[in-house]
Amino acid sequence: MTQGSDSGNVAVRAVAGLAIVAVLTVLLLWLDPQGLYPWIKALHVIAVISWMAGMLYLPRLFVYHAEAQPGSEKSETFKVMERRLLRAIINPAMVVTWVLGLWLAWSGFDFAGGWLHAKILAVLLLSGVHGYLSASVRRFADDRNEKPARHWRIVNEIPTVLMIVIVILVVVKPF
């Protein structure tokens, strides 16, 4: 299978996954509009878990990829893994997380409370890290990575720290 057709298949699966979420959301709204909130919340948590799984795994792949010789079979394997992880899991999960999270904030909290503003700021920072990792996938794909494995080990901790902050803000609501 060529890289182009592989990318097309990944994109089709990602769009199909988003379409399934959209159809299920519409069905839930049609069947029980009053009971929609907990379902949206559950789907939001599932999307967050998927996004975080990818955000925690991708920099770890970069650690090993940075140690691989450019052009080697090992390096080419990492390129495929990174691209698929980003396109099939991380990107769609981030979109679903944002869409459902904003819906939840709007319908459940009307953006009230300092904790929610702080959480949104932390999620914006996490989205920025997502953007950095996305650009890094492209650099690795072009054999243009200039960062050592140590850099990626440190970057690997950033999503973890942001996740801890976000969970504390959501659960404890300190302000």
N, C-alpha and C. Protein backbone atom coordinates (compact mmCIF):
# COMPACT_ATOMS: atom_id res chain seq x y z
N MET A 1 0.85 -1.18 0.00
CA MET A 1 0.00 0.00 0.00
C MET A 1 0.90 1.23 0.00
N THR A 2 0.58 2.21 -0.83
CA THR A 2 1.39 3.41 -0.90
C THR A 2 1.05 4.36 0.22
N GLN A 3 1.96 5.32 0.44
CA GLN A 3 1.75 6.28 1.52
C GLN A 3 0.51 7.12 1.25
N GLY A 4 0.27 7.52 0.00
CA GLY A 4 -0.88 8.33 -0.33
C GLY A 4 -2.19 7.62 -0.06
N SER A 5 -2.31 6.35 -0.47
CA SER A 5 -3.56 5.63 -0.23
C SER A 5 -3.73 5.32 1.24
N ASP A 6 -2.63 5.10 1.95
CA ASP A 6 -2.69 4.88 3.39
C ASP A 6 -3.25 6.12 4.08
N SER A 7 -2.78 7.30 3.66
CA SER A 7 -3.27 8.56 4.23
C SER A 7 -4.75 8.72 3.95
N GLY A 8 -5.17 8.34 2.74
CA GLY A 8 -6.58 8.43 2.39
C GLY A 8 -7.43 7.53 3.25
N ASN A 9 -6.97 6.31 3.51
CA ASN A 9 -7.71 5.38 4.36
C ASN A 9 -7.81 5.89 5.79
N VAL A 10 -6.73 6.46 6.29
CA VAL A 10 -6.73 7.00 7.65
C VAL A 10 -7.72 8.16 7.73
N ALA A 11 -7.71 9.01 6.72
CA ALA A 11 -8.63 10.16 6.70
C ALA A 11 -10.08 9.68 6.63
N VAL A 12 -10.35 8.68 5.83
CA VAL A 12 -11.71 8.15 5.72
C VAL A 12 -12.17 7.59 7.06
N ARG A 13 -11.30 6.84 7.73
CA ARG A 13 -11.66 6.29 9.04
C ARG A 13 -11.89 7.39 10.07
N ALA A 14 -11.07 8.43 10.04
CA ALA A 14 -11.24 9.53 10.98
C ALA A 14 -12.56 10.25 10.73
N VAL A 15 -12.87 10.52 9.48
CA VAL A 15 -14.14 11.18 9.14
C VAL A 15 -15.31 10.28 9.51
N ALA A 16 -15.17 8.98 9.27
CA ALA A 16 -16.23 8.04 9.63
C ALA A 16 -16.47 8.04 11.14
N GLY A 17 -15.40 8.07 11.90
CA GLY A 17 -15.53 8.12 13.36
C GLY A 17 -16.23 9.38 13.82
N LEU A 18 -15.87 10.51 13.25
CA LEU A 18 -16.54 11.77 13.60
C LEU A 18 -18.01 11.74 13.17
N ALA A 19 -18.29 11.15 12.01
CA ALA A 19 -19.68 11.05 11.54
C ALA A 19 -20.51 10.18 12.48
N ILE A 20 -19.92 9.11 12.97
CA ILE A 20 -20.64 8.23 13.90
C ILE A 20 -20.97 9.00 15.18
N VAL A 21 -20.01 9.76 15.69
CA VAL A 21 -20.26 10.57 16.90
C VAL A 21 -21.38 11.57 16.61
N ALA A 22 -21.35 12.21 15.45
CA ALA A 22 -22.38 13.20 15.11
C ALA A 22 -23.75 12.55 15.01
N VAL A 23 -23.83 11.39 14.36
CA VAL A 23 -25.12 10.69 14.20
C VAL A 23 -25.64 10.26 15.57
N LEU A 24 -24.78 9.71 16.40
CA LEU A 24 -25.22 9.30 17.74
C LEU A 24 -25.71 10.49 18.55
N THR A 25 -25.03 11.62 18.42
CA THR A 25 -25.45 12.82 19.15
C THR A 25 -26.82 13.28 18.68
N VAL A 26 -27.04 13.29 17.36
CA VAL A 26 -28.35 13.68 16.82
C VAL A 26 -29.42 12.71 17.28
N LEU A 27 -29.14 11.42 17.26
CA LEU A 27 -30.12 10.42 17.73
C LEU A 27 -30.46 10.63 19.20
N LEU A 28 -29.45 10.89 20.01
CA LEU A 28 -29.70 11.12 21.44
C LEU A 28 -30.55 12.37 21.65
N LEU A 29 -30.27 13.40 20.89
CA LEU A 29 -31.04 14.64 20.99
C LEU A 29 -32.50 14.38 20.58
N TRP A 30 -32.67 13.64 19.52
CA TRP A 30 -34.02 13.35 19.01
C TRP A 30 -34.78 12.43 19.98
N LEU A 31 -34.11 11.42 20.52
CA LEU A 31 -34.77 10.47 21.40
C LEU A 31 -35.04 11.03 22.79
N ASP A 32 -34.08 11.79 23.33
CA ASP A 32 -34.23 12.27 24.70
C ASP A 32 -33.44 13.57 24.90
N PRO A 33 -34.00 14.68 24.46
CA PRO A 33 -33.24 15.93 24.56
C PRO A 33 -32.89 16.30 26.00
N GLN A 34 -33.73 15.93 26.97
CA GLN A 34 -33.44 16.26 28.37
C GLN A 34 -32.29 15.42 28.92
N GLY A 35 -32.10 14.24 28.38
CA GLY A 35 -31.06 13.35 28.87
C GLY A 35 -29.76 13.45 28.08
N LEU A 36 -29.66 14.46 27.23
CA LEU A 36 -28.49 14.58 26.37
C LEU A 36 -27.21 14.96 27.14
N TYR A 37 -27.34 15.80 28.13
CA TYR A 37 -26.17 16.32 28.84
C TYR A 37 -25.23 15.21 29.35
N PRO A 38 -25.72 14.21 30.07
CA PRO A 38 -24.78 13.19 30.56
C PRO A 38 -24.13 12.38 29.43
N TRP A 39 -24.85 12.20 28.32
CA TRP A 39 -24.28 11.48 27.19
C TRP A 39 -23.17 12.30 26.53
N ILE A 40 -23.41 13.58 26.37
CA ILE A 40 -22.39 14.46 25.80
C ILE A 40 -21.17 14.49 26.73
N LYS A 41 -21.43 14.54 28.02
CA LYS A 41 -20.34 14.54 29.00
C LYS A 41 -19.52 13.24 28.88
N ALA A 42 -20.21 12.11 28.75
CA ALA A 42 -19.52 10.82 28.60
C ALA A 42 -18.69 10.79 27.32
N LEU A 43 -19.26 11.26 26.21
CA LEU A 43 -18.53 11.30 24.95
C LEU A 43 -17.33 12.25 25.05
N HIS A 44 -17.51 13.35 25.77
CA HIS A 44 -16.41 14.30 25.98
C HIS A 44 -15.27 13.62 26.75
N VAL A 45 -15.59 12.90 27.79
CA VAL A 45 -14.56 12.22 28.59
C VAL A 45 -13.85 11.16 27.73
N ILE A 46 -14.61 10.42 26.92
CA ILE A 46 -14.00 9.42 26.02
C ILE A 46 -13.05 10.11 25.05
N ALA A 47 -13.47 11.24 24.49
CA ALA A 47 -12.60 11.98 23.56
C ALA A 47 -11.35 12.49 24.25
N VAL A 48 -11.51 13.00 25.48
CA VAL A 48 -10.35 13.49 26.24
C VAL A 48 -9.36 12.35 26.48
N ILE A 49 -9.87 11.21 26.88
CA ILE A 49 -8.99 10.06 27.13
C ILE A 49 -8.24 9.68 25.86
N SER A 50 -8.94 9.65 24.73
CA SER A 50 -8.30 9.31 23.46
C SER A 50 -7.25 10.35 23.08
N TRP A 51 -7.59 11.62 23.25
CA TRP A 51 -6.65 12.69 22.93
C TRP A 51 -5.40 12.58 23.80
N MET A 52 -5.60 12.39 25.10
CA MET A 52 -4.47 12.30 26.02
C MET A 52 -3.62 11.06 25.74
N ALA A 53 -4.25 9.95 25.41
CA ALA A 53 -3.48 8.75 25.10
C ALA A 53 -2.51 9.04 23.95
N GLY A 54 -3.02 9.69 22.92
CA GLY A 54 -2.17 10.03 21.79
C GLY A 54 -1.11 11.06 22.14
N MET A 55 -1.51 12.06 22.92
CA MET A 55 -0.56 13.12 23.30
C MET A 55 0.55 12.59 24.21
N LEU A 56 0.27 11.53 24.94
CA LEU A 56 1.29 10.92 25.79
C LEU A 56 2.18 9.96 25.00
N TYR A 57 1.62 9.34 23.97
CA TYR A 57 2.36 8.33 23.20
C TYR A 57 3.22 8.95 22.10
N LEU A 58 2.73 9.99 21.44
CA LEU A 58 3.45 10.56 20.30
C LEU A 58 4.86 11.05 20.66
N PRO A 59 5.03 11.83 21.73
CA PRO A 59 6.41 12.23 22.07
C PRO A 59 7.31 11.04 22.41
N ARG A 60 6.72 9.98 22.96
CA ARG A 60 7.51 8.78 23.26
C ARG A 60 7.99 8.15 21.94
N LEU A 61 7.14 8.15 20.91
CA LEU A 61 7.58 7.68 19.59
C LEU A 61 8.73 8.55 19.08
N PHE A 62 8.62 9.87 19.32
CA PHE A 62 9.67 10.78 18.88
C PHE A 62 11.01 10.47 19.56
N VAL A 63 10.97 10.06 20.83
CA VAL A 63 12.20 9.71 21.54
C VAL A 63 12.93 8.62 20.76
N TYR A 64 12.20 7.57 20.39
CA TYR A 64 12.83 6.46 19.67
C TYR A 64 13.17 6.83 18.23
N HIS A 65 12.30 7.64 17.62
CA HIS A 65 12.54 8.04 16.23
C HIS A 65 13.79 8.92 16.14
N ALA A 66 13.98 9.80 17.12
CA ALA A 66 15.16 10.68 17.12
C ALA A 66 16.45 9.88 17.18
N GLU A 67 16.38 8.68 17.75
CA GLU A 67 17.56 7.83 17.87
C GLU A 67 17.77 6.94 16.65
N ALA A 68 16.78 6.90 15.75
CA ALA A 68 16.88 6.07 14.55
C ALA A 68 17.62 6.83 13.44
N GLN A 69 18.32 6.10 12.63
CA GLN A 69 19.04 6.68 11.50
C GLN A 69 18.04 7.13 10.44
N PRO A 70 18.06 8.41 10.01
CA PRO A 70 17.15 8.86 8.95
C PRO A 70 17.25 7.98 7.71
N GLY A 71 16.08 7.63 7.18
CA GLY A 71 16.03 6.78 5.99
C GLY A 71 16.07 5.30 6.27
N SER A 72 16.36 4.93 7.52
CA SER A 72 16.41 3.51 7.85
C SER A 72 14.99 2.93 7.90
N GLU A 73 14.91 1.62 7.88
CA GLU A 73 13.61 0.95 7.96
C GLU A 73 12.90 1.32 9.27
N LYS A 74 13.68 1.40 10.34
CA LYS A 74 13.14 1.77 11.65
C LYS A 74 12.53 3.18 11.60
N SER A 75 13.25 4.11 11.00
CA SER A 75 12.77 5.48 10.88
C SER A 75 11.49 5.54 10.05
N GLU A 76 11.46 4.80 8.97
CA GLU A 76 10.27 4.80 8.10
C GLU A 76 9.07 4.21 8.82
N THR A 77 9.30 3.20 9.66
CA THR A 77 8.21 2.62 10.45
C THR A 77 7.66 3.65 11.44
N PHE A 78 8.55 4.38 12.10
CA PHE A 78 8.10 5.42 13.03
C PHE A 78 7.29 6.50 12.31
N LYS A 79 7.68 6.85 11.10
CA LYS A 79 6.93 7.85 10.34
C LYS A 79 5.49 7.41 10.13
N VAL A 80 5.30 6.16 9.77
CA VAL A 80 3.94 5.64 9.56
C VAL A 80 3.16 5.65 10.88
N MET A 81 3.79 5.17 11.94
CA MET A 81 3.13 5.13 13.24
C MET A 81 2.71 6.53 13.70
N GLU A 82 3.62 7.49 13.57
CA GLU A 82 3.34 8.86 14.01
C GLU A 82 2.21 9.49 13.20
N ARG A 83 2.27 9.32 11.88
CA ARG A 83 1.24 9.89 11.01
C ARG A 83 -0.14 9.29 11.33
N ARG A 84 -0.20 7.99 11.46
CA ARG A 84 -1.49 7.33 11.74
C ARG A 84 -2.03 7.73 13.11
N LEU A 85 -1.16 7.78 14.10
CA LEU A 85 -1.59 8.18 15.44
C LEU A 85 -2.16 9.59 15.42
N LEU A 86 -1.47 10.49 14.75
CA LEU A 86 -1.91 11.88 14.70
C LEU A 86 -3.24 12.01 13.94
N ARG A 87 -3.31 11.43 12.76
CA ARG A 87 -4.49 11.63 11.90
C ARG A 87 -5.70 10.81 12.31
N ALA A 88 -5.48 9.61 12.81
CA ALA A 88 -6.61 8.73 13.11
C ALA A 88 -7.11 8.85 14.54
N ILE A 89 -6.26 9.28 15.45
CA ILE A 89 -6.66 9.32 16.86
C ILE A 89 -6.57 10.73 17.43
N ILE A 90 -5.38 11.31 17.41
CA ILE A 90 -5.17 12.56 18.13
C ILE A 90 -6.00 13.71 17.55
N ASN A 91 -5.91 13.94 16.24
CA ASN A 91 -6.66 15.06 15.66
C ASN A 91 -8.17 14.93 15.84
N PRO A 92 -8.78 13.79 15.47
CA PRO A 92 -10.24 13.69 15.66
C PRO A 92 -10.64 13.79 17.14
N ALA A 93 -9.84 13.21 18.02
CA ALA A 93 -10.17 13.26 19.45
C ALA A 93 -10.11 14.70 19.97
N MET A 94 -9.14 15.48 19.49
CA MET A 94 -9.06 16.87 19.92
C MET A 94 -10.29 17.65 19.44
N VAL A 95 -10.69 17.44 18.20
CA VAL A 95 -11.85 18.15 17.66
C VAL A 95 -13.10 17.81 18.47
N VAL A 96 -13.33 16.53 18.72
CA VAL A 96 -14.50 16.11 19.50
C VAL A 96 -14.42 16.67 20.92
N THR A 97 -13.24 16.64 21.52
CA THR A 97 -13.05 17.19 22.86
C THR A 97 -13.46 18.66 22.91
N TRP A 98 -12.97 19.44 21.97
CA TRP A 98 -13.28 20.87 21.94
C TRP A 98 -14.76 21.13 21.69
N VAL A 99 -15.32 20.47 20.69
CA VAL A 99 -16.73 20.72 20.34
C VAL A 99 -17.64 20.36 21.51
N LEU A 100 -17.47 19.18 22.04
CA LEU A 100 -18.34 18.75 23.14
C LEU A 100 -18.04 19.52 24.42
N GLY A 101 -16.78 19.83 24.67
CA GLY A 101 -16.41 20.59 25.86
C GLY A 101 -17.02 21.99 25.85
N LEU A 102 -16.97 22.64 24.71
CA LEU A 102 -17.59 23.97 24.62
C LEU A 102 -19.11 23.89 24.77
N TRP A 103 -19.70 22.83 24.19
CA TRP A 103 -21.15 22.64 24.36
C TRP A 103 -21.49 22.45 25.83
N LEU A 104 -20.71 21.64 26.52
CA LEU A 104 -20.94 21.40 27.94
C LEU A 104 -20.77 22.68 28.75
N ALA A 105 -19.73 23.44 28.45
CA ALA A 105 -19.49 24.69 29.18
C ALA A 105 -20.64 25.67 28.95
N TRP A 106 -21.10 25.74 27.72
CA TRP A 106 -22.17 26.67 27.38
C TRP A 106 -23.50 26.25 28.01
N SER A 107 -23.83 24.98 27.93
CA SER A 107 -25.15 24.54 28.40
C SER A 107 -25.19 24.26 29.89
N GLY A 108 -24.06 23.88 30.46
CA GLY A 108 -24.08 23.51 31.87
C GLY A 108 -23.57 24.56 32.82
N PHE A 109 -22.69 25.42 32.33
CA PHE A 109 -22.05 26.37 33.23
C PHE A 109 -22.16 27.82 32.77
N ASP A 110 -22.59 28.04 31.54
CA ASP A 110 -22.63 29.38 30.97
C ASP A 110 -21.29 30.09 31.19
N PHE A 111 -20.22 29.34 31.12
CA PHE A 111 -18.86 29.85 31.28
C PHE A 111 -18.66 30.56 32.61
N ALA A 112 -19.40 30.10 33.62
CA ALA A 112 -19.28 30.71 34.95
C ALA A 112 -18.19 30.00 35.75
N GLY A 113 -17.52 30.74 36.57
CA GLY A 113 -16.53 30.16 37.48
C GLY A 113 -15.12 30.31 36.96
N GLY A 114 -14.24 30.76 37.85
CA GLY A 114 -12.83 30.94 37.49
C GLY A 114 -12.15 29.63 37.12
N TRP A 115 -12.59 28.54 37.74
CA TRP A 115 -11.98 27.25 37.44
C TRP A 115 -12.18 26.88 35.98
N LEU A 116 -13.35 27.23 35.42
CA LEU A 116 -13.63 26.89 34.02
C LEU A 116 -12.74 27.71 33.08
N HIS A 117 -12.54 28.97 33.42
CA HIS A 117 -11.66 29.81 32.60
C HIS A 117 -10.23 29.28 32.66
N ALA A 118 -9.79 28.89 33.84
CA ALA A 118 -8.45 28.33 33.99
C ALA A 118 -8.33 27.01 33.23
N LYS A 119 -9.38 26.20 33.27
CA LYS A 119 -9.38 24.93 32.54
C LYS A 119 -9.27 25.18 31.04
N ILE A 120 -10.05 26.13 30.55
CA ILE A 120 -10.00 26.44 29.11
C ILE A 120 -8.61 26.93 28.73
N LEU A 121 -7.99 27.73 29.58
CA LEU A 121 -6.62 28.18 29.32
C LEU A 121 -5.67 26.99 29.25
N ALA A 122 -5.80 26.06 30.19
CA ALA A 122 -4.94 24.87 30.18
C ALA A 122 -5.18 24.02 28.93
N VAL A 123 -6.44 23.93 28.49
CA VAL A 123 -6.75 23.18 27.28
C VAL A 123 -6.19 23.90 26.05
N LEU A 124 -6.22 25.23 26.06
CA LEU A 124 -5.58 26.00 24.98
C LEU A 124 -4.08 25.70 24.92
N LEU A 125 -3.45 25.65 26.09
CA LEU A 125 -2.02 25.30 26.14
C LEU A 125 -1.78 23.89 25.61
N LEU A 126 -2.65 22.96 26.00
CA LEU A 126 -2.54 21.58 25.50
C LEU A 126 -2.72 21.55 23.98
N SER A 127 -3.63 22.39 23.48
CA SER A 127 -3.83 22.47 22.03
C SER A 127 -2.59 23.04 21.34
N GLY A 128 -1.91 23.96 22.02
CA GLY A 128 -0.66 24.48 21.48
C GLY A 128 0.41 23.40 21.41
N VAL A 129 0.48 22.56 22.44
CA VAL A 129 1.41 21.43 22.42
C VAL A 129 1.04 20.49 21.29
N HIS A 130 -0.26 20.27 21.10
CA HIS A 130 -0.75 19.45 19.99
C HIS A 130 -0.23 20.00 18.66
N GLY A 131 -0.32 21.32 18.48
CA GLY A 131 0.17 21.94 17.26
C GLY A 131 1.67 21.73 17.08
N TYR A 132 2.42 21.85 18.16
CA TYR A 132 3.86 21.63 18.11
C TYR A 132 4.16 20.18 17.72
N LEU A 133 3.43 19.24 18.30
CA LEU A 133 3.65 17.83 17.96
C LEU A 133 3.25 17.54 16.52
N SER A 134 2.18 18.19 16.05
CA SER A 134 1.75 18.00 14.65
C SER A 134 2.83 18.49 13.69
N ALA A 135 3.39 19.66 13.97
CA ALA A 135 4.48 20.18 13.13
C ALA A 135 5.70 19.26 13.21
N SER A 136 5.92 18.67 14.37
CA SER A 136 7.05 17.77 14.54
C SER A 136 6.88 16.48 13.74
N VAL A 137 5.64 16.00 13.63
CA VAL A 137 5.38 14.83 12.78
C VAL A 137 5.81 15.15 11.35
N ARG A 138 5.48 16.34 10.88
CA ARG A 138 5.87 16.73 9.52
C ARG A 138 7.40 16.83 9.38
N ARG A 139 8.07 17.38 10.40
CA ARG A 139 9.53 17.48 10.34
C ARG A 139 10.17 16.09 10.33
N PHE A 140 9.68 15.19 11.18
CA PHE A 140 10.21 13.82 11.16
C PHE A 140 9.95 13.15 9.81
N ALA A 141 8.76 13.37 9.24
CA ALA A 141 8.42 12.76 7.95
C ALA A 141 9.37 13.21 6.85
N ASP A 142 9.86 14.45 6.97
CA ASP A 142 10.80 14.99 5.98
C ASP A 142 12.26 14.80 6.40
N ASP A 143 12.49 14.01 7.44
CA ASP A 143 13.84 13.79 7.98
C ASP A 143 14.52 15.11 8.35
N ARG A 144 13.74 16.04 8.93
CA ARG A 144 14.28 17.34 9.33
C ARG A 144 14.28 17.55 10.84
N ASN A 145 14.11 16.49 11.62
CA ASN A 145 14.15 16.65 13.08
C ASN A 145 15.56 17.02 13.51
N GLU A 146 15.66 18.07 14.30
CA GLU A 146 16.96 18.48 14.81
C GLU A 146 17.03 18.35 16.33
N LYS A 147 15.97 17.88 16.94
CA LYS A 147 15.90 17.77 18.40
C LYS A 147 16.40 16.39 18.84
N PRO A 148 17.18 16.36 19.92
CA PRO A 148 17.66 15.07 20.43
C PRO A 148 16.55 14.33 21.20
N ALA A 149 16.79 13.08 21.48
CA ALA A 149 15.82 12.27 22.23
C ALA A 149 15.52 12.89 23.59
N ARG A 150 16.52 13.51 24.20
CA ARG A 150 16.31 14.16 25.51
C ARG A 150 15.23 15.24 25.43
N HIS A 151 15.23 16.02 24.38
CA HIS A 151 14.21 17.05 24.19
C HIS A 151 12.82 16.41 24.20
N TRP A 152 12.68 15.31 23.48
CA TRP A 152 11.36 14.66 23.38
C TRP A 152 10.96 14.01 24.70
N ARG A 153 11.93 13.58 25.51
CA ARG A 153 11.61 13.06 26.84
C ARG A 153 11.02 14.16 27.72
N ILE A 154 11.57 15.36 27.59
CA ILE A 154 11.05 16.50 28.36
C ILE A 154 9.67 16.90 27.84
N VAL A 155 9.54 17.00 26.52
CA VAL A 155 8.24 17.37 25.91
C VAL A 155 7.17 16.35 26.31
N ASN A 156 7.56 15.11 26.47
CA ASN A 156 6.62 14.06 26.85
C ASN A 156 5.94 14.34 28.19
N GLU A 157 6.58 15.13 29.05
CA GLU A 157 6.02 15.43 30.36
C GLU A 157 5.00 16.58 30.33
N ILE A 158 5.05 17.42 29.32
CA ILE A 158 4.17 18.59 29.26
C ILE A 158 2.69 18.21 29.23
N PRO A 159 2.26 17.28 28.35
CA PRO A 159 0.84 16.89 28.39
C PRO A 159 0.42 16.30 29.74
N THR A 160 1.33 15.59 30.38
CA THR A 160 1.02 15.01 31.69
C THR A 160 0.74 16.10 32.72
N VAL A 161 1.60 17.10 32.76
CA VAL A 161 1.43 18.21 33.71
C VAL A 161 0.12 18.94 33.43
N LEU A 162 -0.14 19.23 32.16
CA LEU A 162 -1.39 19.93 31.81
C LEU A 162 -2.61 19.08 32.15
N MET A 163 -2.53 17.77 31.93
CA MET A 163 -3.64 16.88 32.27
C MET A 163 -3.92 16.93 33.77
N ILE A 164 -2.87 16.91 34.58
CA ILE A 164 -3.05 16.97 36.04
C ILE A 164 -3.73 18.27 36.43
N VAL A 165 -3.28 19.38 35.87
CA VAL A 165 -3.88 20.69 36.16
C VAL A 165 -5.36 20.69 35.76
N ILE A 166 -5.66 20.19 34.58
CA ILE A 166 -7.04 20.18 34.09
C ILE A 166 -7.94 19.32 34.98
N VAL A 167 -7.47 18.14 35.33
CA VAL A 167 -8.28 17.26 36.18
C VAL A 167 -8.54 17.90 37.55
N ILE A 168 -7.52 18.50 38.14
CA ILE A 168 -7.70 19.17 39.43
C ILE A 168 -8.72 20.30 39.29
N LEU A 169 -8.61 21.08 38.23
CA LEU A 169 -9.56 22.19 38.04
C LEU A 169 -10.98 21.68 37.89
N VAL A 170 -11.18 20.58 37.17
CA VAL A 170 -12.52 20.05 36.95
C VAL A 170 -13.10 19.41 38.21
N VAL A 171 -12.29 18.65 38.90
CA VAL A 171 -12.79 17.89 40.06
C VAL A 171 -12.86 18.75 41.31
N VAL A 172 -11.80 19.50 41.60
CA VAL A 172 -11.74 20.26 42.84
C VAL A 172 -12.42 21.62 42.70
N LYS A 173 -12.36 22.20 41.51
CA LYS A 173 -12.91 23.55 41.27
C LYS A 173 -12.41 24.52 42.33
N PRO A 174 -11.09 24.74 42.40
CA PRO A 174 -10.50 25.52 43.49
C PRO A 174 -10.90 26.99 43.53
N PHE A 175 -11.41 27.52 42.43
CA PHE A 175 -11.86 28.92 42.46
C PHE A 175 -12.92 29.14 41.41
